Amino acid sequence: DIVPPWSKGPWLLLFGAGVALTAAILIYTALGTGASPDSVYHAPSL
């Protein structure tokens, strides 16, 4: 008789998990990707 309702969801927990996942991805992108610090950047040119 009891069907789990959408409105009684763990919204704060889901939001926290989403924020944590987003933070983890942004931290990985900032620290784990890109060129090495001693490389030289050449700007776009015509």
All heavy atoms as atom14 arrays in JSON, in Angstrom:
{
  "sequence": "DIVPPWSKGPWLLLFGAGVALTAAILIYTALGTGASPDSVYHAPSL",
  "atom14_mask": [
    [1, 1, 1, 1, 1, 1, 1, 1, 0, 0, 0, 0, 0, 0],
    [1, 1, 1, 1, 1, 1, 1, 1, 0, 0, 0, 0, 0, 0],
    [1, 1, 1, 1, 1, 1, 1, 0, 0, 0, 0, 0, 0, 0],
    [1, 1, 1, 1, 1, 1, 1, 0, 0, 0, 0, 0, 0, 0],
    [1, 1, 1, 1, 1, 1, 1, 0, 0, 0, 0, 0, 0, 0],
    [1, 1, 1, 1, 1, 1, 1, 1, 1, 1, 1, 1, 1, 1],
    [1, 1, 1, 1, 1, 1, 0, 0, 0, 0, 0, 0, 0, 0],
    [1, 1, 1, 1, 1, 1, 1, 1, 1, 0, 0, 0, 0, 0],
    [1, 1, 1, 1, 0, 0, 0, 0, 0, 0, 0, 0, 0, 0],
    [1, 1, 1, 1, 1, 1, 1, 0, 0, 0, 0, 0, 0, 0],
    [1, 1, 1, 1, 1, 1, 1, 1, 1, 1, 1, 1, 1, 1],
    [1, 1, 1, 1, 1, 1, 1, 1, 0, 0, 0, 0, 0, 0],
    [1, 1, 1, 1, 1, 1, 1, 1, 0, 0, 0, 0, 0, 0],
    [1, 1, 1, 1, 1, 1, 1, 1, 0, 0, 0, 0, 0, 0],
    [1, 1, 1, 1, 1, 1, 1, 1, 1, 1, 1, 0, 0, 0],
    [1, 1, 1, 1, 0, 0, 0, 0, 0, 0, 0, 0, 0, 0],
    [1, 1, 1, 1, 1, 0, 0, 0, 0, 0, 0, 0, 0, 0],
    [1, 1, 1, 1, 0, 0, 0, 0, 0, 0, 0, 0, 0, 0],
    [1, 1, 1, 1, 1, 1, 1, 0, 0, 0, 0, 0, 0, 0],
    [1, 1, 1, 1, 1, 0, 0, 0, 0, 0, 0, 0, 0, 0],
    [1, 1, 1, 1, 1, 1, 1, 1, 0, 0, 0, 0, 0, 0],
    [1, 1, 1, 1, 1, 1, 1, 0, 0, 0, 0, 0, 0, 0],
    [1, 1, 1, 1, 1, 0, 0, 0, 0, 0, 0, 0, 0, 0],
    [1, 1, 1, 1, 1, 0, 0, 0, 0, 0, 0, 0, 0, 0],
    [1, 1, 1, 1, 1, 1, 1, 1, 0, 0, 0, 0, 0, 0],
    [1, 1, 1, 1, 1, 1, 1, 1, 0, 0, 0, 0, 0, 0],
    [1, 1, 1, 1, 1, 1, 1, 1, 0, 0, 0, 0, 0, 0],
    [1, 1, 1, 1, 1, 1, 1, 1, 1, 1, 1, 1, 0, 0],
    [1, 1, 1, 1, 1, 1, 1, 0, 0, 0, 0, 0, 0, 0],
    [1, 1, 1, 1, 1, 0, 0, 0, 0, 0, 0, 0, 0, 0],
    [1, 1, 1, 1, 1, 1, 1, 1, 0, 0, 0, 0, 0, 0],
    [1, 1, 1, 1, 0, 0, 0, 0, 0, 0, 0, 0, 0, 0],
    [1, 1, 1, 1, 1, 1, 1, 0, 0, 0, 0, 0, 0, 0],
    [1, 1, 1, 1, 0, 0, 0, 0, 0, 0, 0, 0, 0, 0],
    [1, 1, 1, 1, 1, 0, 0, 0, 0, 0, 0, 0, 0, 0],
    [1, 1, 1, 1, 1, 1, 0, 0, 0, 0, 0, 0, 0, 0],
    [1, 1, 1, 1, 1, 1, 1, 0, 0, 0, 0, 0, 0, 0],
    [1, 1, 1, 1, 1, 1, 1, 1, 0, 0, 0, 0, 0, 0],
    [1, 1, 1, 1, 1, 1, 0, 0, 0, 0, 0, 0, 0, 0],
    [1, 1, 1, 1, 1, 1, 1, 0, 0, 0, 0, 0, 0, 0],
    [1, 1, 1, 1, 1, 1, 1, 1, 1, 1, 1, 1, 0, 0],
    [1, 1, 1, 1, 1, 1, 1, 1, 1, 1, 0, 0, 0, 0],
    [1, 1, 1, 1, 1, 0, 0, 0, 0, 0, 0, 0, 0, 0],
    [1, 1, 1, 1, 1, 1, 1, 0, 0, 0, 0, 0, 0, 0],
    [1, 1, 1, 1, 1, 1, 0, 0, 0, 0, 0, 0, 0, 0],
    [1, 1, 1, 1, 1, 1, 1, 1, 0, 0, 0, 0, 0, 0]
  ],
  "atom14_positions": [
    [[0.82, -1.21, 0.0], [0.0, 0.0, 0.0], [0.85, 1.26, 0.0], [0.42, 2.31, -0.45], [-0.92, 0.02, 1.22], [-1.95, -1.11, 1.16], [-2.27, -1.54, 0.03], [-2.42, -1.53, 2.21], [0.0, 0.0, 0.0], [0.0, 0.0, 0.0], [0.0, 0.0, 0.0], [0.0, 0.0, 0.0], [0.0, 0.0, 0.0], [0.0, 0.0, 0.0]],
    [[2.06, 1.18, 0.55], [2.93, 2.34, 0.66], [3.87, 2.39, -0.54], [4.69, 1.5, -0.74], [3.74, 2.3, 1.96], [2.8, 2.26, 3.16], [4.68, 3.49, 2.04], [3.49, 2.04, 4.48], [0.0, 0.0, 0.0], [0.0, 0.0, 0.0], [0.0, 0.0, 0.0], [0.0, 0.0, 0.0], [0.0, 0.0, 0.0], [0.0, 0.0, 0.0]],
    [[3.69, 3.43, -1.33], [4.55, 3.66, -2.49], [5.41, 4.88, -2.17], [4.88, 5.9, -1.72], [3.7, 3.91, -3.76], [4.59, 4.16, -4.94], [2.78, 2.73, -4.02], [0.0, 0.0, 0.0], [0.0, 0.0, 0.0], [0.0, 0.0, 0.0], [0.0, 0.0, 0.0], [0.0, 0.0, 0.0], [0.0, 0.0, 0.0], [0.0, 0.0, 0.0]],
    [[6.72, 4.79, -2.34], [7.57, 5.93, -2.0], [7.18, 7.18, -2.8], [7.16, 7.14, -4.03], [8.98, 5.47, -2.38], [8.9, 4.0, -2.54], [7.49, 3.67, -2.85], [0.0, 0.0, 0.0], [0.0, 0.0, 0.0], [0.0, 0.0, 0.0], [0.0, 0.0, 0.0], [0.0, 0.0, 0.0], [0.0, 0.0, 0.0], [0.0, 0.0, 0.0]],
    [[6.85, 8.29, -2.12], [6.48, 9.51, -2.85], [7.71, 10.33, -3.25], [8.72, 10.34, -2.56], [5.62, 10.27, -1.84], [6.16, 9.84, -0.52], [6.62, 8.42, -0.69], [0.0, 0.0, 0.0], [0.0, 0.0, 0.0], [0.0, 0.0, 0.0], [0.0, 0.0, 0.0], [0.0, 0.0, 0.0], [0.0, 0.0, 0.0], [0.0, 0.0, 0.0]],
    [[7.6, 11.03, -4.35], [8.67, 11.9, -4.84], [8.88, 13.08, -3.89], [10.01, 13.52, -3.67], [8.31, 12.39, -6.24], [9.29, 13.36, -6.82], [9.14, 14.71, -6.9], [10.55, 13.08, -7.39], [10.24, 15.28, -7.48], [11.13, 14.3, -7.8], [11.28, 11.91, -7.59], [12.38, 14.38, -8.41], [12.52, 12.0, -8.21], [13.05, 13.22, -8.6]],
    [[7.81, 13.56, -3.31], [7.9, 14.76, -2.46], [8.61, 14.51, -1.13], [9.04, 15.45, -0.49], [6.5, 15.3, -2.18], [5.74, 14.33, -1.49], [0.0, 0.0, 0.0], [0.0, 0.0, 0.0], [0.0, 0.0, 0.0], [0.0, 0.0, 0.0], [0.0, 0.0, 0.0], [0.0, 0.0, 0.0], [0.0, 0.0, 0.0], [0.0, 0.0, 0.0]],
    [[8.75, 13.28, -0.71], [9.42, 12.95, 0.56], [10.88, 12.56, 0.34], [11.48, 11.9, 1.18], [8.69, 11.81, 1.25], [7.26, 12.08, 1.57], [7.14, 12.86, 2.84], [5.65, 12.98, 3.16], [5.39, 13.82, 4.27], [0.0, 0.0, 0.0], [0.0, 0.0, 0.0], [0.0, 0.0, 0.0], [0.0, 0.0, 0.0], [0.0, 0.0, 0.0]],
    [[11.44, 12.96, -0.79], [12.81, 12.59, -1.11], [13.85, 13.25, -0.22], [13.59, 14.27, 0.41], [0.0, 0.0, 0.0], [0.0, 0.0, 0.0], [0.0, 0.0, 0.0], [0.0, 0.0, 0.0], [0.0, 0.0, 0.0], [0.0, 0.0, 0.0], [0.0, 0.0, 0.0], [0.0, 0.0, 0.0], [0.0, 0.0, 0.0], [0.0, 0.0, 0.0]],
    [[15.04, 12.69, -0.17], [16.13, 13.25, 0.63], [16.81, 14.4, -0.11], [17.95, 14.3, -0.54], [17.06, 12.05, 0.82], [16.85, 11.25, -0.42], [15.4, 11.42, -0.78], [0.0, 0.0, 0.0], [0.0, 0.0, 0.0], [0.0, 0.0, 0.0], [0.0, 0.0, 0.0], [0.0, 0.0, 0.0], [0.0, 0.0, 0.0], [0.0, 0.0, 0.0]],
    [[16.11, 15.51, -0.27], [16.57, 16.59, -1.14], [17.88, 17.22, -0.68], [18.76, 17.49, -1.5], [15.49, 17.67, -1.27], [14.23, 17.09, -1.82], [13.03, 17.04, -1.2], [14.07, 16.42, -3.07], [12.12, 16.38, -1.99], [12.73, 15.99, -3.14], [14.91, 16.12, -4.12], [12.23, 15.3, -4.23], [14.41, 15.43, -5.2], [13.09, 15.03, -5.25]],
    [[18.03, 17.45, 0.61], [19.26, 18.05, 1.1], [20.45, 17.12, 0.87], [21.53, 17.57, 0.48], [19.12, 18.4, 2.59], [20.25, 19.23, 3.18], [20.4, 20.55, 2.43], [20.0, 19.49, 4.65], [0.0, 0.0, 0.0], [0.0, 0.0, 0.0], [0.0, 0.0, 0.0], [0.0, 0.0, 0.0], [0.0, 0.0, 0.0], [0.0, 0.0, 0.0]],
    [[20.25, 15.84, 1.1], [21.31, 14.87, 0.86], [21.67, 14.81, -0.63], [22.86, 14.77, -0.98], [20.87, 13.49, 1.35], [21.87, 12.36, 1.16], [23.1, 12.6, 2.03], [21.24, 11.03, 1.51], [0.0, 0.0, 0.0], [0.0, 0.0, 0.0], [0.0, 0.0, 0.0], [0.0, 0.0, 0.0], [0.0, 0.0, 0.0], [0.0, 0.0, 0.0]],
    [[20.68, 14.82, -1.49], [20.94, 14.79, -2.93], [21.66, 16.05, -3.38], [22.59, 15.99, -4.2], [19.63, 14.62, -3.71], [18.92, 13.29, -3.54], [17.57, 13.32, -4.24], [19.77, 12.15, -4.07], [0.0, 0.0, 0.0], [0.0, 0.0, 0.0], [0.0, 0.0, 0.0], [0.0, 0.0, 0.0], [0.0, 0.0, 0.0], [0.0, 0.0, 0.0]],
    [[21.24, 17.19, -2.86], [21.9, 18.44, -3.21], [23.35, 18.44, -2.72], [24.27, 18.85, -3.43], [21.14, 19.64, -2.65], [21.76, 20.96, -3.01], [21.7, 21.44, -4.31], [22.41, 21.71, -2.05], [22.28, 22.64, -4.64], [22.99, 22.92, -2.37], [22.93, 23.39, -3.68], [0.0, 0.0, 0.0], [0.0, 0.0, 0.0], [0.0, 0.0, 0.0]],
    [[23.56, 17.96, -1.5], [24.92, 17.87, -0.97], [25.8, 16.95, -1.78], [26.97, 17.23, -2.02], [0.0, 0.0, 0.0], [0.0, 0.0, 0.0], [0.0, 0.0, 0.0], [0.0, 0.0, 0.0], [0.0, 0.0, 0.0], [0.0, 0.0, 0.0], [0.0, 0.0, 0.0], [0.0, 0.0, 0.0], [0.0, 0.0, 0.0], [0.0, 0.0, 0.0]],
    [[25.23, 15.82, -2.22], [25.99, 14.9, -3.07], [26.34, 15.54, -4.4], [27.44, 15.38, -4.92], [25.18, 13.62, -3.29], [0.0, 0.0, 0.0], [0.0, 0.0, 0.0], [0.0, 0.0, 0.0], [0.0, 0.0, 0.0], [0.0, 0.0, 0.0], [0.0, 0.0, 0.0], [0.0, 0.0, 0.0], [0.0, 0.0, 0.0], [0.0, 0.0, 0.0]],
    [[25.4, 16.31, -4.96], [25.67, 17.0, -6.22], [26.75, 18.06, -6.07], [27.64, 18.19, -6.93], [0.0, 0.0, 0.0], [0.0, 0.0, 0.0], [0.0, 0.0, 0.0], [0.0, 0.0, 0.0], [0.0, 0.0, 0.0], [0.0, 0.0, 0.0], [0.0, 0.0, 0.0], [0.0, 0.0, 0.0], [0.0, 0.0, 0.0], [0.0, 0.0, 0.0]],
    [[26.71, 18.81, -4.98], [27.74, 19.83, -4.73], [29.09, 19.17, -4.52], [30.12, 19.63, -5.05], [27.34, 20.71, -3.53], [28.5, 21.58, -3.07], [26.14, 21.58, -3.88], [0.0, 0.0, 0.0], [0.0, 0.0, 0.0], [0.0, 0.0, 0.0], [0.0, 0.0, 0.0], [0.0, 0.0, 0.0], [0.0, 0.0, 0.0], [0.0, 0.0, 0.0]],
    [[29.13, 18.07, -3.77], [30.39, 17.37, -3.53], [30.96, 16.8, -4.83], [32.17, 16.89, -5.08], [30.18, 16.25, -2.51], [0.0, 0.0, 0.0], [0.0, 0.0, 0.0], [0.0, 0.0, 0.0], [0.0, 0.0, 0.0], [0.0, 0.0, 0.0], [0.0, 0.0, 0.0], [0.0, 0.0, 0.0], [0.0, 0.0, 0.0], [0.0, 0.0, 0.0]],
    [[30.1, 16.23, -5.66], [30.55, 15.69, -6.95], [31.06, 16.8, -7.86], [32.09, 16.65, -8.51], [29.4, 14.93, -7.62], [29.7, 14.18, -8.89], [30.79, 13.13, -8.64], [28.45, 13.5, -9.41], [0.0, 0.0, 0.0], [0.0, 0.0, 0.0], [0.0, 0.0, 0.0], [0.0, 0.0, 0.0], [0.0, 0.0, 0.0], [0.0, 0.0, 0.0]],
    [[30.35, 17.93, -7.89], [30.8, 19.07, -8.69], [32.14, 19.59, -8.19], [33.05, 19.86, -8.99], [29.75, 20.2, -8.65], [28.51, 19.7, -9.15], [30.18, 21.38, -9.49], [0.0, 0.0, 0.0], [0.0, 0.0, 0.0], [0.0, 0.0, 0.0], [0.0, 0.0, 0.0], [0.0, 0.0, 0.0], [0.0, 0.0, 0.0], [0.0, 0.0, 0.0]],
    [[32.29, 19.72, -6.88], [33.56, 20.19, -6.31], [34.69, 19.24, -6.66], [35.79, 19.67, -7.02], [33.43, 20.35, -4.8], [0.0, 0.0, 0.0], [0.0, 0.0, 0.0], [0.0, 0.0, 0.0], [0.0, 0.0, 0.0], [0.0, 0.0, 0.0], [0.0, 0.0, 0.0], [0.0, 0.0, 0.0], [0.0, 0.0, 0.0], [0.0, 0.0, 0.0]],
    [[34.45, 17.93, -6.56], [35.48, 16.95, -6.88], [35.91, 17.06, -8.34], [37.11, 17.01, -8.65], [34.99, 15.54, -6.57], [0.0, 0.0, 0.0], [0.0, 0.0, 0.0], [0.0, 0.0, 0.0], [0.0, 0.0, 0.0], [0.0, 0.0, 0.0], [0.0, 0.0, 0.0], [0.0, 0.0, 0.0], [0.0, 0.0, 0.0], [0.0, 0.0, 0.0]],
    [[34.95, 17.24, -9.23], [35.28, 17.35, -10.65], [36.04, 18.64, -10.93], [37.01, 18.65, -11.69], [34.0, 17.25, -11.51], [33.51, 15.8, -11.47], [34.25, 17.7, -12.94], [32.2, 15.58, -12.15], [0.0, 0.0, 0.0], [0.0, 0.0, 0.0], [0.0, 0.0, 0.0], [0.0, 0.0, 0.0], [0.0, 0.0, 0.0], [0.0, 0.0, 0.0]],
    [[35.63, 19.74, -10.31], [36.34, 21.0, -10.53], [37.75, 20.96, -9.95], [38.69, 21.5, -10.56], [35.54, 22.16, -9.94], [34.24, 22.5, -10.68], [33.49, 23.59, -9.94], [34.51, 22.91, -12.11], [0.0, 0.0, 0.0], [0.0, 0.0, 0.0], [0.0, 0.0, 0.0], [0.0, 0.0, 0.0], [0.0, 0.0, 0.0], [0.0, 0.0, 0.0]],
    [[37.92, 20.34, -8.8], [39.26, 20.22, -8.21], [40.14, 19.35, -9.09], [41.31, 19.68, -9.34], [39.17, 19.68, -6.77], [38.58, 20.76, -5.86], [40.53, 19.24, -6.26], [38.21, 20.27, -4.48], [0.0, 0.0, 0.0], [0.0, 0.0, 0.0], [0.0, 0.0, 0.0], [0.0, 0.0, 0.0], [0.0, 0.0, 0.0], [0.0, 0.0, 0.0]],
    [[39.59, 18.23, -9.57], [40.38, 17.37, -10.46], [40.78, 18.13, -11.73], [41.92, 18.03, -12.18], [39.6, 16.12, -10.84], [40.27, 15.35, -11.95], [41.41, 14.59, -11.7], [39.81, 15.43, -13.27], [42.05, 13.91, -12.71], [40.46, 14.76, -14.29], [41.58, 14.0, -14.01], [42.22, 13.35, -15.01], [0.0, 0.0, 0.0], [0.0, 0.0, 0.0]],
    [[39.85, 18.87, -12.3], [40.15, 19.62, -13.52], [41.22, 20.67, -13.27], [42.12, 20.86, -14.09], [38.87, 20.3, -14.06], [37.89, 19.3, -14.3], [39.14, 21.04, -15.35], [0.0, 0.0, 0.0], [0.0, 0.0, 0.0], [0.0, 0.0, 0.0], [0.0, 0.0, 0.0], [0.0, 0.0, 0.0], [0.0, 0.0, 0.0], [0.0, 0.0, 0.0]],
    [[41.15, 21.35, -12.14], [42.12, 22.4, -11.83], [43.5, 21.82, -11.56], [44.51, 22.4, -11.98], [41.66, 23.21, -10.63], [0.0, 0.0, 0.0], [0.0, 0.0, 0.0], [0.0, 0.0, 0.0], [0.0, 0.0, 0.0], [0.0, 0.0, 0.0], [0.0, 0.0, 0.0], [0.0, 0.0, 0.0], [0.0, 0.0, 0.0], [0.0, 0.0, 0.0]],
    [[43.58, 20.71, -10.87], [44.87, 20.17, -10.46], [45.41, 19.08, -11.37], [46.62, 18.86, -11.4], [44.77, 19.62, -9.02], [44.39, 20.63, -7.95], [44.29, 19.94, -6.6], [45.37, 21.78, -7.91], [0.0, 0.0, 0.0], [0.0, 0.0, 0.0], [0.0, 0.0, 0.0], [0.0, 0.0, 0.0], [0.0, 0.0, 0.0], [0.0, 0.0, 0.0]],
    [[44.54, 18.39, -12.08], [44.98, 17.23, -12.83], [45.08, 17.39, -14.32], [45.51, 16.47, -15.02], [0.0, 0.0, 0.0], [0.0, 0.0, 0.0], [0.0, 0.0, 0.0], [0.0, 0.0, 0.0], [0.0, 0.0, 0.0], [0.0, 0.0, 0.0], [0.0, 0.0, 0.0], [0.0, 0.0, 0.0], [0.0, 0.0, 0.0], [0.0, 0.0, 0.0]],
    [[44.69, 18.52, -14.85], [44.74, 18.7, -16.29], [45.51, 19.97, -16.63], [45.83, 20.77, -15.77], [43.33, 18.8, -16.89], [42.66, 19.93, -16.33], [42.52, 17.55, -16.61], [0.0, 0.0, 0.0], [0.0, 0.0, 0.0], [0.0, 0.0, 0.0], [0.0, 0.0, 0.0], [0.0, 0.0, 0.0], [0.0, 0.0, 0.0], [0.0, 0.0, 0.0]],
    [[45.77, 20.15, -17.89], [46.45, 21.36, -18.34], [47.92, 21.12, -18.61], [48.44, 20.02, -18.47], [0.0, 0.0, 0.0], [0.0, 0.0, 0.0], [0.0, 0.0, 0.0], [0.0, 0.0, 0.0], [0.0, 0.0, 0.0], [0.0, 0.0, 0.0], [0.0, 0.0, 0.0], [0.0, 0.0, 0.0], [0.0, 0.0, 0.0], [0.0, 0.0, 0.0]],
    [[48.57, 22.18, -19.01], [49.98, 22.11, -19.34], [50.83, 22.21, -18.07], [50.37, 22.66, -17.03], [50.35, 23.24, -20.29], [0.0, 0.0, 0.0], [0.0, 0.0, 0.0], [0.0, 0.0, 0.0], [0.0, 0.0, 0.0], [0.0, 0.0, 0.0], [0.0, 0.0, 0.0], [0.0, 0.0, 0.0], [0.0, 0.0, 0.0], [0.0, 0.0, 0.0]],
    [[52.07, 21.79, -18.19], [52.96, 21.87, -17.04], [53.28, 23.34, -16.75], [53.26, 24.18, -17.65], [54.24, 21.09, -17.29], [54.98, 21.69, -18.33], [0.0, 0.0, 0.0], [0.0, 0.0, 0.0], [0.0, 0.0, 0.0], [0.0, 0.0, 0.0], [0.0, 0.0, 0.0], [0.0, 0.0, 0.0], [0.0, 0.0, 0.0], [0.0, 0.0, 0.0]],
    [[53.6, 23.66, -15.51], [53.83, 25.06, -15.13], [55.02, 25.72, -15.84], [55.05, 26.93, -15.99], [54.1, 24.99, -13.63], [53.51, 23.72, -13.19], [53.59, 22.79, -14.35], [0.0, 0.0, 0.0], [0.0, 0.0, 0.0], [0.0, 0.0, 0.0], [0.0, 0.0, 0.0], [0.0, 0.0, 0.0], [0.0, 0.0, 0.0], [0.0, 0.0, 0.0]],
    [[55.97, 24.93, -16.3], [57.13, 25.53, -16.95], [56.98, 25.65, -18.47], [57.93, 26.0, -19.16], [58.4, 24.76, -16.6], [58.35, 23.33, -17.12], [57.25, 22.86, -17.44], [59.42, 22.68, -17.17], [0.0, 0.0, 0.0], [0.0, 0.0, 0.0], [0.0, 0.0, 0.0], [0.0, 0.0, 0.0], [0.0, 0.0, 0.0], [0.0, 0.0, 0.0]],
    [[55.81, 25.37, -19.01], [55.6, 25.48, -20.45], [55.32, 26.93, -20.86], [54.96, 27.76, -20.04], [54.47, 24.57, -20.91], [53.28, 24.94, -20.29], [0.0, 0.0, 0.0], [0.0, 0.0, 0.0], [0.0, 0.0, 0.0], [0.0, 0.0, 0.0], [0.0, 0.0, 0.0], [0.0, 0.0, 0.0], [0.0, 0.0, 0.0], [0.0, 0.0, 0.0]],
    [[55.51, 27.2, -22.13], [55.32, 28.55, -22.68], [54.05, 28.56, -23.51], [53.84, 27.68, -24.36], [56.54, 28.95, -23.55], [56.33, 30.3, -24.17], [57.81, 28.91, -22.72], [0.0, 0.0, 0.0], [0.0, 0.0, 0.0], [0.0, 0.0, 0.0], [0.0, 0.0, 0.0], [0.0, 0.0, 0.0], [0.0, 0.0, 0.0], [0.0, 0.0, 0.0]],
    [[53.21, 29.58, -23.29], [51.95, 29.71, -24.03], [52.15, 30.6, -25.23], [52.71, 31.67, -25.14], [50.85, 30.29, -23.14], [49.54, 30.47, -23.86], [48.8, 29.38, -24.28], [49.05, 31.74, -24.13], [47.6, 29.54, -24.93], [47.85, 31.91, -24.79], [47.13, 30.81, -25.19], [45.94, 30.97, -25.85], [0.0, 0.0, 0.0], [0.0, 0.0, 0.0]],
    [[51.69, 30.13, -26.39], [51.71, 30.92, -27.62], [50.27, 31.32, -27.92], [49.4, 30.45, -28.1], [52.3, 30.12, -28.77], [53.75, 29.78, -28.57], [54.76, 30.65, -28.84], [54.34, 28.66, -28.07], [55.92, 30.1, -28.55], [55.69, 28.88, -28.07], [0.0, 0.0, 0.0], [0.0, 0.0, 0.0], [0.0, 0.0, 0.0], [0.0, 0.0, 0.0]],
    [[50.02, 32.6, -27.95], [48.67, 33.13, -28.16], [48.18, 32.84, -29.57], [48.97, 32.61, -30.49], [48.66, 34.63, -27.9], [0.0, 0.0, 0.0], [0.0, 0.0, 0.0], [0.0, 0.0, 0.0], [0.0, 0.0, 0.0], [0.0, 0.0, 0.0], [0.0, 0.0, 0.0], [0.0, 0.0, 0.0], [0.0, 0.0, 0.0], [0.0, 0.0, 0.0]],
    [[46.85, 32.85, -29.77], [46.31, 32.68, -31.12], [46.84, 33.78, -32.02], [47.08, 34.91, -31.6], [44.8, 32.8, -30.94], [44.56, 32.55, -29.5], [45.78, 32.98, -28.78], [0.0, 0.0, 0.0], [0.0, 0.0, 0.0], [0.0, 0.0, 0.0], [0.0, 0.0, 0.0], [0.0, 0.0, 0.0], [0.0, 0.0, 0.0], [0.0, 0.0, 0.0]],
    [[47.02, 33.42, -33.28], [47.53, 34.41, -34.24], [46.81, 34.25, -35.56], [46.21, 33.22, -35.85], [49.04, 34.23, -34.43], [49.31, 32.94, -34.93], [0.0, 0.0, 0.0], [0.0, 0.0, 0.0], [0.0, 0.0, 0.0], [0.0, 0.0, 0.0], [0.0, 0.0, 0.0], [0.0, 0.0, 0.0], [0.0, 0.0, 0.0], [0.0, 0.0, 0.0]],
    [[46.9, 35.29, -36.34], [46.28, 35.29, -37.67], [47.29, 34.73, -38.65], [48.35, 35.32, -38.89], [45.87, 36.71, -38.04], [44.9, 36.86, -39.2], [43.63, 36.07, -38.94], [44.58, 38.31, -39.44], [0.0, 0.0, 0.0], [0.0, 0.0, 0.0], [0.0, 0.0, 0.0], [0.0, 0.0, 0.0], [0.0, 0.0, 0.0], [0.0, 0.0, 0.0]]
  ]
}
